[in-house]
Amino acid sequence: MEDYPLEYYEFFVSFNEGDYYTCHDLLEEMWMTDKGNLFLKGLLQMSVSIYHYEYGNVKGARLMMQAAQEYLQSYRPKHWGINLEHVYGFIEECLSIFPENIDRLPFEMIESLPKLPQLVLYLED
C-alpha cells in the first residue's frame, strides 16, 4: 500500500462526513507544497464546489465543478488510490443537477435547490 500524506487520509474522512470546508483546508495544505499537482487541485475544486452549492452559490459551484472536471481528466482512470471514473460520474451528475438559470440563492431558499448525489470516497489500494 502506498504511503500518502496524513492530510490525504483526513480528507477522505472529512469528505465522507460532508465537511467540505475542512476538505478544502486539508487539500490546500498539500497543494501549496506541490502547486503543479492538478490532481489535488481537482479534488479541492470539487470539494469547494459542493460547499458553495450548499450555501446557495450555484454559479460558483458550477465553475468550481467544471474546473475539477478539467483538472482530474488526465489522471483517469485511477490515481492515488481513487477510482476517478466513479468520481467523474459524480461530477457529471452534479453538473447536470446544478440549475442553469440560478446564480445565487438567499440562505433561506437553499432547501429549494435540487439535492446532489452522495459520493463516498475510499482508497482502493
N, C-alpha and C. Protein backbone atom coordinates (compact mmCIF):
# COMPACT_ATOMS: atom_id res chain seq x y z
N MET A 1 0.84 -1.19 0.00
CA MET A 1 0.00 0.00 0.00
C MET A 1 0.87 1.25 0.00
N GLU A 2 0.50 2.17 -0.83
CA GLU A 2 1.27 3.41 -0.94
C GLU A 2 1.12 4.26 0.32
N ASP A 3 2.14 5.03 0.59
CA ASP A 3 2.12 5.89 1.77
C ASP A 3 1.76 7.31 1.35
N TYR A 4 0.59 7.76 1.76
CA TYR A 4 0.11 9.09 1.40
C TYR A 4 0.29 10.04 2.57
N PRO A 5 0.28 11.35 2.29
CA PRO A 5 0.34 12.31 3.41
C PRO A 5 -0.87 12.14 4.34
N LEU A 6 -0.65 12.40 5.61
CA LEU A 6 -1.71 12.28 6.61
C LEU A 6 -2.95 13.09 6.21
N GLU A 7 -2.74 14.28 5.68
CA GLU A 7 -3.85 15.15 5.27
C GLU A 7 -4.75 14.46 4.23
N TYR A 8 -4.14 13.62 3.40
CA TYR A 8 -4.90 12.92 2.36
C TYR A 8 -5.90 11.96 3.01
N TYR A 9 -5.45 11.21 4.01
CA TYR A 9 -6.34 10.30 4.73
C TYR A 9 -7.43 11.09 5.45
N GLU A 10 -7.04 12.21 6.06
CA GLU A 10 -8.00 13.06 6.78
C GLU A 10 -9.03 13.64 5.81
N PHE A 11 -8.60 13.93 4.57
CA PHE A 11 -9.50 14.44 3.54
C PHE A 11 -10.65 13.45 3.30
N PHE A 12 -10.33 12.15 3.21
CA PHE A 12 -11.37 11.13 2.98
C PHE A 12 -12.41 11.14 4.09
N VAL A 13 -11.94 11.22 5.32
CA VAL A 13 -12.85 11.22 6.47
C VAL A 13 -13.75 12.46 6.40
N SER A 14 -13.14 13.63 6.19
CA SER A 14 -13.92 14.88 6.13
C SER A 14 -14.90 14.87 4.98
N PHE A 15 -14.46 14.40 3.81
CA PHE A 15 -15.34 14.38 2.64
C PHE A 15 -16.54 13.49 2.89
N ASN A 16 -16.30 12.31 3.41
CA ASN A 16 -17.39 11.36 3.62
C ASN A 16 -18.33 11.79 4.75
N GLU A 17 -17.85 12.67 5.62
CA GLU A 17 -18.70 13.23 6.68
C GLU A 17 -19.45 14.48 6.20
N GLY A 18 -19.12 14.95 4.98
CA GLY A 18 -19.78 16.14 4.44
C GLY A 18 -19.19 17.44 4.94
N ASP A 19 -17.97 17.40 5.46
CA ASP A 19 -17.29 18.60 5.94
C ASP A 19 -16.37 19.13 4.83
N TYR A 20 -16.99 19.78 3.85
CA TYR A 20 -16.26 20.20 2.65
C TYR A 20 -15.33 21.38 2.90
N TYR A 21 -15.62 22.16 3.93
CA TYR A 21 -14.74 23.28 4.27
C TYR A 21 -13.39 22.74 4.77
N THR A 22 -13.43 21.72 5.63
CA THR A 22 -12.20 21.10 6.11
C THR A 22 -11.46 20.42 4.96
N CYS A 23 -12.19 19.82 4.04
CA CYS A 23 -11.56 19.20 2.86
C CYS A 23 -10.70 20.23 2.12
N HIS A 24 -11.27 21.40 1.94
CA HIS A 24 -10.55 22.48 1.26
C HIS A 24 -9.24 22.78 1.98
N ASP A 25 -9.30 22.94 3.30
CA ASP A 25 -8.10 23.26 4.07
C ASP A 25 -7.04 22.17 3.98
N LEU A 26 -7.46 20.92 4.09
CA LEU A 26 -6.52 19.79 4.04
C LEU A 26 -5.85 19.69 2.67
N LEU A 27 -6.65 19.80 1.62
CA LEU A 27 -6.11 19.68 0.27
C LEU A 27 -5.23 20.88 -0.08
N GLU A 28 -5.65 22.06 0.37
CA GLU A 28 -4.86 23.26 0.07
C GLU A 28 -3.48 23.16 0.73
N GLU A 29 -3.45 22.64 1.94
CA GLU A 29 -2.17 22.46 2.64
C GLU A 29 -1.22 21.59 1.82
N MET A 30 -1.73 20.50 1.26
CA MET A 30 -0.90 19.61 0.43
C MET A 30 -0.56 20.27 -0.89
N TRP A 31 -1.54 20.93 -1.50
CA TRP A 31 -1.35 21.53 -2.82
C TRP A 31 -0.32 22.67 -2.76
N MET A 32 -0.29 23.41 -1.66
CA MET A 32 0.66 24.52 -1.52
C MET A 32 2.11 24.04 -1.59
N THR A 33 2.36 22.79 -1.22
CA THR A 33 3.72 22.26 -1.29
C THR A 33 4.02 21.65 -2.65
N ASP A 34 3.00 21.52 -3.50
CA ASP A 34 3.16 20.89 -4.82
C ASP A 34 2.13 21.50 -5.77
N LYS A 35 2.35 22.78 -6.14
CA LYS A 35 1.34 23.52 -6.91
C LYS A 35 1.11 22.98 -8.32
N GLY A 36 2.00 22.14 -8.80
CA GLY A 36 1.80 21.55 -10.12
C GLY A 36 0.88 20.35 -10.07
N ASN A 37 0.46 19.96 -8.88
CA ASN A 37 -0.36 18.76 -8.70
C ASN A 37 -1.83 19.09 -8.97
N LEU A 38 -2.24 18.89 -10.21
CA LEU A 38 -3.61 19.22 -10.61
C LEU A 38 -4.62 18.20 -10.08
N PHE A 39 -4.13 17.03 -9.68
CA PHE A 39 -5.00 16.04 -9.06
C PHE A 39 -5.55 16.59 -7.73
N LEU A 40 -4.64 17.08 -6.89
CA LEU A 40 -5.07 17.67 -5.61
C LEU A 40 -5.94 18.90 -5.86
N LYS A 41 -5.56 19.70 -6.86
CA LYS A 41 -6.33 20.90 -7.16
C LYS A 41 -7.74 20.52 -7.62
N GLY A 42 -7.86 19.45 -8.39
CA GLY A 42 -9.16 18.98 -8.85
C GLY A 42 -10.05 18.53 -7.70
N LEU A 43 -9.47 17.76 -6.76
CA LEU A 43 -10.24 17.33 -5.59
C LEU A 43 -10.64 18.53 -4.75
N LEU A 44 -9.73 19.50 -4.65
CA LEU A 44 -10.00 20.72 -3.90
C LEU A 44 -11.18 21.48 -4.52
N GLN A 45 -11.15 21.64 -5.85
CA GLN A 45 -12.22 22.37 -6.55
C GLN A 45 -13.55 21.65 -6.40
N MET A 46 -13.52 20.31 -6.45
CA MET A 46 -14.75 19.53 -6.30
C MET A 46 -15.34 19.76 -4.90
N SER A 47 -14.51 19.74 -3.88
CA SER A 47 -14.97 19.96 -2.50
C SER A 47 -15.53 21.37 -2.34
N VAL A 48 -14.83 22.36 -2.89
CA VAL A 48 -15.27 23.76 -2.80
C VAL A 48 -16.61 23.93 -3.53
N SER A 49 -16.75 23.24 -4.65
CA SER A 49 -17.99 23.32 -5.43
C SER A 49 -19.19 22.89 -4.58
N ILE A 50 -19.06 21.76 -3.91
CA ILE A 50 -20.17 21.25 -3.09
C ILE A 50 -20.45 22.23 -1.94
N TYR A 51 -19.38 22.77 -1.36
CA TYR A 51 -19.53 23.74 -0.28
C TYR A 51 -20.31 24.96 -0.76
N HIS A 52 -19.91 25.50 -1.92
CA HIS A 52 -20.62 26.66 -2.49
C HIS A 52 -22.10 26.35 -2.72
N TYR A 53 -22.35 25.19 -3.29
CA TYR A 53 -23.73 24.81 -3.62
C TYR A 53 -24.58 24.75 -2.35
N GLU A 54 -24.03 24.17 -1.30
CA GLU A 54 -24.78 24.05 -0.05
C GLU A 54 -25.12 25.40 0.56
N TYR A 55 -24.42 26.45 0.15
CA TYR A 55 -24.68 27.79 0.67
C TYR A 55 -25.35 28.69 -0.37
N GLY A 56 -25.84 28.09 -1.45
CA GLY A 56 -26.64 28.84 -2.41
C GLY A 56 -25.87 29.54 -3.51
N ASN A 57 -24.55 29.37 -3.55
CA ASN A 57 -23.75 29.98 -4.61
C ASN A 57 -23.66 29.00 -5.78
N VAL A 58 -24.72 28.96 -6.57
CA VAL A 58 -24.82 27.97 -7.65
C VAL A 58 -23.81 28.25 -8.76
N LYS A 59 -23.63 29.51 -9.10
CA LYS A 59 -22.67 29.87 -10.15
C LYS A 59 -21.25 29.45 -9.74
N GLY A 60 -20.87 29.75 -8.51
CA GLY A 60 -19.56 29.35 -8.01
C GLY A 60 -19.39 27.84 -8.01
N ALA A 61 -20.44 27.14 -7.62
CA ALA A 61 -20.41 25.68 -7.60
C ALA A 61 -20.20 25.13 -9.01
N ARG A 62 -20.94 25.70 -9.96
CA ARG A 62 -20.83 25.25 -11.36
C ARG A 62 -19.40 25.46 -11.88
N LEU A 63 -18.85 26.66 -11.65
CA LEU A 63 -17.50 26.98 -12.14
C LEU A 63 -16.43 26.08 -11.50
N MET A 64 -16.56 25.85 -10.20
CA MET A 64 -15.59 25.01 -9.49
C MET A 64 -15.68 23.55 -9.95
N MET A 65 -16.90 23.05 -10.16
CA MET A 65 -17.06 21.66 -10.60
C MET A 65 -16.53 21.47 -12.02
N GLN A 66 -16.74 22.47 -12.88
CA GLN A 66 -16.19 22.39 -14.24
C GLN A 66 -14.66 22.38 -14.19
N ALA A 67 -14.09 23.18 -13.30
CA ALA A 67 -12.63 23.21 -13.14
C ALA A 67 -12.13 21.86 -12.64
N ALA A 68 -12.84 21.27 -11.67
CA ALA A 68 -12.46 19.96 -11.13
C ALA A 68 -12.46 18.92 -12.24
N GLN A 69 -13.50 18.96 -13.07
CA GLN A 69 -13.63 18.02 -14.18
C GLN A 69 -12.42 18.13 -15.11
N GLU A 70 -12.02 19.36 -15.39
CA GLU A 70 -10.88 19.61 -16.27
C GLU A 70 -9.56 19.14 -15.63
N TYR A 71 -9.34 19.49 -14.36
CA TYR A 71 -8.09 19.14 -13.68
C TYR A 71 -7.91 17.64 -13.51
N LEU A 72 -8.99 16.92 -13.25
CA LEU A 72 -8.89 15.49 -12.97
C LEU A 72 -8.82 14.63 -14.23
N GLN A 73 -9.17 15.20 -15.36
CA GLN A 73 -9.25 14.45 -16.62
C GLN A 73 -7.99 13.60 -16.90
N SER A 74 -6.82 14.20 -16.80
CA SER A 74 -5.60 13.49 -17.19
C SER A 74 -5.16 12.43 -16.18
N TYR A 75 -5.83 12.36 -15.04
CA TYR A 75 -5.47 11.37 -14.02
C TYR A 75 -6.34 10.12 -14.08
N ARG A 76 -7.33 10.12 -14.97
CA ARG A 76 -8.20 8.97 -15.11
C ARG A 76 -7.41 7.79 -15.66
N PRO A 77 -7.81 6.55 -15.38
CA PRO A 77 -9.00 6.12 -14.64
C PRO A 77 -8.78 6.05 -13.12
N LYS A 78 -7.51 5.96 -12.67
CA LYS A 78 -7.25 5.81 -11.24
C LYS A 78 -5.97 6.54 -10.88
N HIS A 79 -5.99 7.22 -9.75
CA HIS A 79 -4.80 7.93 -9.29
C HIS A 79 -4.82 8.01 -7.78
N TRP A 80 -3.69 7.83 -7.16
CA TRP A 80 -3.55 7.90 -5.70
C TRP A 80 -4.64 7.11 -4.99
N GLY A 81 -4.97 5.95 -5.53
CA GLY A 81 -5.91 5.05 -4.88
C GLY A 81 -7.38 5.39 -5.07
N ILE A 82 -7.68 6.43 -5.87
CA ILE A 82 -9.08 6.81 -6.10
C ILE A 82 -9.50 6.39 -7.50
N ASN A 83 -10.66 5.73 -7.58
CA ASN A 83 -11.26 5.38 -8.87
C ASN A 83 -11.90 6.66 -9.42
N LEU A 84 -11.22 7.29 -10.36
CA LEU A 84 -11.70 8.58 -10.88
C LEU A 84 -12.88 8.42 -11.84
N GLU A 85 -13.11 7.22 -12.33
CA GLU A 85 -14.31 7.01 -13.15
C GLU A 85 -15.55 7.19 -12.27
N HIS A 86 -15.46 6.70 -11.05
CA HIS A 86 -16.53 6.85 -10.05
C HIS A 86 -16.72 8.35 -9.74
N VAL A 87 -15.62 9.05 -9.53
CA VAL A 87 -15.67 10.50 -9.23
C VAL A 87 -16.23 11.25 -10.43
N TYR A 88 -15.82 10.85 -11.64
CA TYR A 88 -16.30 11.53 -12.84
C TYR A 88 -17.80 11.42 -13.01
N GLY A 89 -18.34 10.25 -12.70
CA GLY A 89 -19.80 10.08 -12.77
C GLY A 89 -20.49 11.05 -11.83
N PHE A 90 -19.91 11.21 -10.64
CA PHE A 90 -20.46 12.15 -9.65
C PHE A 90 -20.39 13.59 -10.18
N ILE A 91 -19.24 13.97 -10.71
CA ILE A 91 -19.06 15.34 -11.24
C ILE A 91 -20.07 15.62 -12.35
N GLU A 92 -20.21 14.68 -13.28
CA GLU A 92 -21.15 14.88 -14.40
C GLU A 92 -22.59 14.97 -13.91
N GLU A 93 -22.93 14.15 -12.90
CA GLU A 93 -24.28 14.20 -12.35
C GLU A 93 -24.54 15.55 -11.68
N CYS A 94 -23.56 16.03 -10.90
CA CYS A 94 -23.69 17.34 -10.26
C CYS A 94 -23.90 18.44 -11.30
N LEU A 95 -23.08 18.41 -12.35
CA LEU A 95 -23.18 19.44 -13.39
C LEU A 95 -24.56 19.40 -14.06
N SER A 96 -25.15 18.23 -14.15
CA SER A 96 -26.48 18.14 -14.76
C SER A 96 -27.58 18.58 -13.78
N ILE A 97 -27.28 18.55 -12.48
CA ILE A 97 -28.27 18.92 -11.45
C ILE A 97 -28.25 20.41 -11.15
N PHE A 98 -27.07 21.04 -11.19
CA PHE A 98 -26.98 22.47 -10.89
C PHE A 98 -27.95 23.23 -11.78
N PRO A 99 -28.87 24.00 -11.20
CA PRO A 99 -29.82 24.76 -12.02
C PRO A 99 -29.09 25.76 -12.92
N GLU A 100 -29.43 25.74 -14.20
CA GLU A 100 -28.77 26.61 -15.19
C GLU A 100 -29.14 28.08 -15.02
N ASN A 101 -30.36 28.34 -14.58
CA ASN A 101 -30.90 29.70 -14.57
C ASN A 101 -30.75 30.40 -13.23
N ILE A 102 -29.96 29.81 -12.31
CA ILE A 102 -29.78 30.41 -10.99
C ILE A 102 -28.28 30.64 -10.75
N ASP A 103 -27.93 31.84 -10.30
CA ASP A 103 -26.54 32.10 -9.93
C ASP A 103 -26.35 32.00 -8.43
N ARG A 104 -27.33 32.55 -7.69
CA ARG A 104 -27.21 32.57 -6.24
C ARG A 104 -28.60 32.59 -5.62
N LEU A 105 -28.71 31.89 -4.51
CA LEU A 105 -29.98 31.87 -3.77
C LEU A 105 -29.74 32.39 -2.35
N PRO A 106 -30.69 33.14 -1.80
CA PRO A 106 -30.56 33.53 -0.40
C PRO A 106 -30.62 32.29 0.50
N PHE A 107 -29.96 32.39 1.65
CA PHE A 107 -29.83 31.25 2.55
C PHE A 107 -31.17 30.57 2.86
N GLU A 108 -32.21 31.38 3.05
CA GLU A 108 -33.50 30.77 3.43
C GLU A 108 -34.17 30.01 2.29
N MET A 109 -33.64 30.11 1.08
CA MET A 109 -34.22 29.39 -0.06
C MET A 109 -33.37 28.19 -0.51
N ILE A 110 -32.27 27.94 0.17
CA ILE A 110 -31.34 26.88 -0.24
C ILE A 110 -32.01 25.51 -0.29
N GLU A 111 -32.95 25.28 0.61
CA GLU A 111 -33.65 23.98 0.64
C GLU A 111 -34.38 23.69 -0.66
N SER A 112 -34.66 24.73 -1.45
CA SER A 112 -35.38 24.52 -2.71
C SER A 112 -34.47 24.02 -3.83
N LEU A 113 -33.16 24.04 -3.62
CA LEU A 113 -32.23 23.53 -4.64
C LEU A 113 -32.33 22.02 -4.73
N PRO A 114 -32.16 21.48 -5.95
CA PRO A 114 -32.14 20.02 -6.08
C PRO A 114 -30.98 19.43 -5.27
N LYS A 115 -31.22 18.29 -4.65
CA LYS A 115 -30.18 17.63 -3.84
C LYS A 115 -29.12 17.01 -4.76
N LEU A 116 -27.87 17.07 -4.29
CA LEU A 116 -26.77 16.45 -5.03
C LEU A 116 -26.68 14.97 -4.64
N PRO A 117 -26.13 14.16 -5.53
CA PRO A 117 -25.94 12.74 -5.18
C PRO A 117 -24.88 12.65 -4.07
N GLN A 118 -24.82 11.51 -3.42
CA GLN A 118 -23.83 11.27 -2.37
C GLN A 118 -22.64 10.57 -3.00
N LEU A 119 -21.44 11.09 -2.79
CA LEU A 119 -20.23 10.42 -3.25
C LEU A 119 -19.46 9.97 -2.03
N VAL A 120 -19.16 8.68 -1.96
CA VAL A 120 -18.33 8.16 -0.88
C VAL A 120 -16.96 7.86 -1.49
N LEU A 121 -15.95 8.50 -0.93
CA LEU A 121 -14.58 8.30 -1.42
C LEU A 121 -13.85 7.31 -0.54
N TYR A 122 -13.07 6.43 -1.16
CA TYR A 122 -12.27 5.48 -0.42
C TYR A 122 -11.06 5.07 -1.24
N LEU A 123 -10.02 4.66 -0.54
CA LEU A 123 -8.79 4.19 -1.21
C LEU A 123 -8.98 2.77 -1.69
N GLU A 124 -8.58 2.52 -2.92
CA GLU A 124 -8.74 1.17 -3.47
C GLU A 124 -7.44 0.38 -3.45
N ASP A 125 -6.38 0.94 -2.85
CA ASP A 125 -5.14 0.15 -2.82
C ASP A 125 -4.60 -0.01 -1.42
